[in-house]
Amino acid sequence: MSTSVKQTVIEMIERLPDDASVEDIMAELFFRRKVDEGLRELDAGKGVDHEEAKRQLGKWLN
């Protein structure tokens, strides 16, 4: 049985420190959403290979 989105979010929040702010929780949710989005894109074949990623990063870092 797969874990529901709600349960996944509850577990994520429970892993945060007790003094986590609403902003901290929102940042974790945003990060998780973006990671999930990226994984879906990779599964759909929309990713770039390692050499292309290095080339693109090289342009940004120069």
N, C-alpha and C. Protein backbone atom coordinates (compact mmCIF):
# COMPACT_ATOMS: atom_id res chain seq x y z
N MET A 1 0.85 -1.19 0.00
CA MET A 1 0.00 0.00 0.00
C MET A 1 0.88 1.24 0.00
N SER A 2 0.60 2.18 -0.87
CA SER A 2 1.42 3.39 -0.97
C SER A 2 0.99 4.41 0.08
N THR A 3 1.93 5.24 0.44
CA THR A 3 1.68 6.30 1.41
C THR A 3 0.97 7.45 0.72
N SER A 4 -0.04 8.01 1.37
CA SER A 4 -0.76 9.13 0.79
C SER A 4 0.09 10.40 0.85
N VAL A 5 -0.25 11.35 0.03
CA VAL A 5 0.45 12.63 0.04
C VAL A 5 0.32 13.27 1.42
N LYS A 6 -0.85 13.19 1.99
CA LYS A 6 -1.08 13.77 3.31
C LYS A 6 -0.14 13.14 4.34
N GLN A 7 -0.04 11.83 4.34
CA GLN A 7 0.83 11.15 5.29
C GLN A 7 2.30 11.50 5.05
N THR A 8 2.69 11.61 3.79
CA THR A 8 4.06 11.99 3.46
C THR A 8 4.38 13.37 4.01
N VAL A 9 3.46 14.31 3.86
CA VAL A 9 3.66 15.68 4.35
C VAL A 9 3.73 15.69 5.88
N ILE A 10 2.86 14.93 6.52
CA ILE A 10 2.88 14.85 7.99
C ILE A 10 4.23 14.34 8.47
N GLU A 11 4.73 13.29 7.83
CA GLU A 11 6.02 12.72 8.21
C GLU A 11 7.15 13.71 7.97
N MET A 12 7.07 14.46 6.86
CA MET A 12 8.08 15.47 6.57
C MET A 12 8.10 16.53 7.66
N ILE A 13 6.93 17.00 8.06
CA ILE A 13 6.83 18.03 9.09
C ILE A 13 7.33 17.50 10.43
N GLU A 14 7.03 16.25 10.74
CA GLU A 14 7.47 15.67 12.00
C GLU A 14 9.00 15.56 12.07
N ARG A 15 9.68 15.49 10.92
CA ARG A 15 11.14 15.42 10.91
C ARG A 15 11.79 16.78 11.15
N LEU A 16 11.03 17.85 10.99
CA LEU A 16 11.57 19.19 11.23
C LEU A 16 11.74 19.44 12.73
N PRO A 17 12.64 20.36 13.08
CA PRO A 17 12.81 20.67 14.51
C PRO A 17 11.52 21.26 15.10
N ASP A 18 11.36 21.09 16.41
CA ASP A 18 10.15 21.58 17.07
C ASP A 18 9.96 23.08 16.93
N ASP A 19 11.05 23.82 16.73
CA ASP A 19 10.93 25.27 16.61
C ASP A 19 10.82 25.74 15.16
N ALA A 20 10.51 24.81 14.24
CA ALA A 20 10.36 25.17 12.82
C ALA A 20 9.21 26.17 12.66
N SER A 21 9.45 27.15 11.82
CA SER A 21 8.43 28.17 11.56
C SER A 21 7.54 27.72 10.39
N VAL A 22 6.48 28.47 10.20
CA VAL A 22 5.61 28.21 9.04
C VAL A 22 6.42 28.38 7.76
N GLU A 23 7.32 29.36 7.75
CA GLU A 23 8.17 29.58 6.57
C GLU A 23 9.07 28.38 6.33
N ASP A 24 9.61 27.78 7.40
CA ASP A 24 10.44 26.58 7.26
C ASP A 24 9.63 25.43 6.63
N ILE A 25 8.42 25.26 7.11
CA ILE A 25 7.56 24.21 6.59
C ILE A 25 7.23 24.46 5.12
N MET A 26 6.91 25.71 4.79
CA MET A 26 6.59 26.05 3.41
C MET A 26 7.80 25.82 2.50
N ALA A 27 9.00 26.14 2.99
CA ALA A 27 10.21 25.94 2.20
C ALA A 27 10.42 24.44 1.93
N GLU A 28 10.18 23.61 2.93
CA GLU A 28 10.31 22.16 2.75
C GLU A 28 9.29 21.65 1.74
N LEU A 29 8.05 22.13 1.84
CA LEU A 29 7.01 21.73 0.89
C LEU A 29 7.38 22.15 -0.53
N PHE A 30 7.88 23.36 -0.69
CA PHE A 30 8.27 23.86 -2.01
C PHE A 30 9.40 23.01 -2.58
N PHE A 31 10.42 22.74 -1.73
CA PHE A 31 11.55 21.92 -2.16
C PHE A 31 11.07 20.55 -2.61
N ARG A 32 10.21 19.93 -1.82
CA ARG A 32 9.69 18.60 -2.15
C ARG A 32 8.92 18.63 -3.48
N ARG A 33 8.10 19.67 -3.67
CA ARG A 33 7.34 19.79 -4.91
C ARG A 33 8.27 19.90 -6.12
N LYS A 34 9.31 20.70 -5.99
CA LYS A 34 10.24 20.87 -7.11
C LYS A 34 11.02 19.59 -7.40
N VAL A 35 11.42 18.87 -6.36
CA VAL A 35 12.12 17.59 -6.56
C VAL A 35 11.20 16.60 -7.26
N ASP A 36 9.96 16.49 -6.77
CA ASP A 36 9.00 15.58 -7.40
C ASP A 36 8.76 15.95 -8.86
N GLU A 37 8.65 17.25 -9.14
CA GLU A 37 8.46 17.73 -10.51
C GLU A 37 9.64 17.33 -11.39
N GLY A 38 10.84 17.50 -10.86
CA GLY A 38 12.04 17.13 -11.61
C GLY A 38 12.11 15.64 -11.88
N LEU A 39 11.74 14.84 -10.90
CA LEU A 39 11.75 13.39 -11.09
C LEU A 39 10.73 12.96 -12.15
N ARG A 40 9.56 13.60 -12.14
CA ARG A 40 8.55 13.29 -13.17
C ARG A 40 9.08 13.65 -14.56
N GLU A 41 9.77 14.79 -14.67
CA GLU A 41 10.34 15.19 -15.96
C GLU A 41 11.40 14.19 -16.42
N LEU A 42 12.24 13.74 -15.50
CA LEU A 42 13.24 12.74 -15.87
C LEU A 42 12.58 11.45 -16.34
N ASP A 43 11.54 11.02 -15.62
CA ASP A 43 10.81 9.81 -16.01
C ASP A 43 10.20 9.96 -17.41
N ALA A 44 9.84 11.19 -17.76
CA ALA A 44 9.23 11.45 -19.07
C ALA A 44 10.29 11.69 -20.15
N GLY A 45 11.57 11.53 -19.79
CA GLY A 45 12.63 11.70 -20.76
C GLY A 45 12.98 13.15 -21.07
N LYS A 46 12.63 14.06 -20.18
CA LYS A 46 12.87 15.49 -20.43
C LYS A 46 14.17 16.00 -19.82
N GLY A 47 14.99 15.12 -19.28
CA GLY A 47 16.23 15.55 -18.65
C GLY A 47 17.33 15.80 -19.67
N VAL A 48 18.44 16.32 -19.19
CA VAL A 48 19.62 16.51 -20.03
C VAL A 48 20.72 15.58 -19.52
N ASP A 49 21.59 15.15 -20.42
CA ASP A 49 22.67 14.26 -19.98
C ASP A 49 23.73 15.05 -19.22
N HIS A 50 24.64 14.32 -18.62
CA HIS A 50 25.65 14.91 -17.75
C HIS A 50 26.51 15.95 -18.47
N GLU A 51 26.94 15.63 -19.68
CA GLU A 51 27.80 16.56 -20.43
C GLU A 51 27.06 17.86 -20.74
N GLU A 52 25.79 17.76 -21.11
CA GLU A 52 25.00 18.97 -21.39
C GLU A 52 24.82 19.79 -20.12
N ALA A 53 24.59 19.14 -19.00
CA ALA A 53 24.44 19.85 -17.73
C ALA A 53 25.74 20.59 -17.39
N LYS A 54 26.88 19.94 -17.58
CA LYS A 54 28.17 20.59 -17.31
C LYS A 54 28.36 21.80 -18.22
N ARG A 55 27.98 21.66 -19.50
CA ARG A 55 28.11 22.77 -20.44
C ARG A 55 27.24 23.95 -20.01
N GLN A 56 26.00 23.68 -19.63
CA GLN A 56 25.10 24.75 -19.20
C GLN A 56 25.59 25.42 -17.92
N LEU A 57 26.05 24.62 -16.97
CA LEU A 57 26.59 25.19 -15.73
C LEU A 57 27.82 26.03 -16.01
N GLY A 58 28.65 25.56 -16.93
CA GLY A 58 29.85 26.32 -17.29
C GLY A 58 29.50 27.71 -17.79
N LYS A 59 28.42 27.84 -18.57
CA LYS A 59 28.01 29.16 -19.06
C LYS A 59 27.54 30.04 -17.90
N TRP A 60 26.85 29.48 -16.94
CA TRP A 60 26.34 30.25 -15.81
C TRP A 60 27.46 30.70 -14.88
N LEU A 61 28.49 29.86 -14.74
CA LEU A 61 29.54 30.15 -13.77
C LEU A 61 30.65 31.04 -14.32
N ASN A 62 30.69 31.25 -15.62
CA ASN A 62 31.74 32.09 -16.20
C ASN A 62 31.33 33.53 -16.26
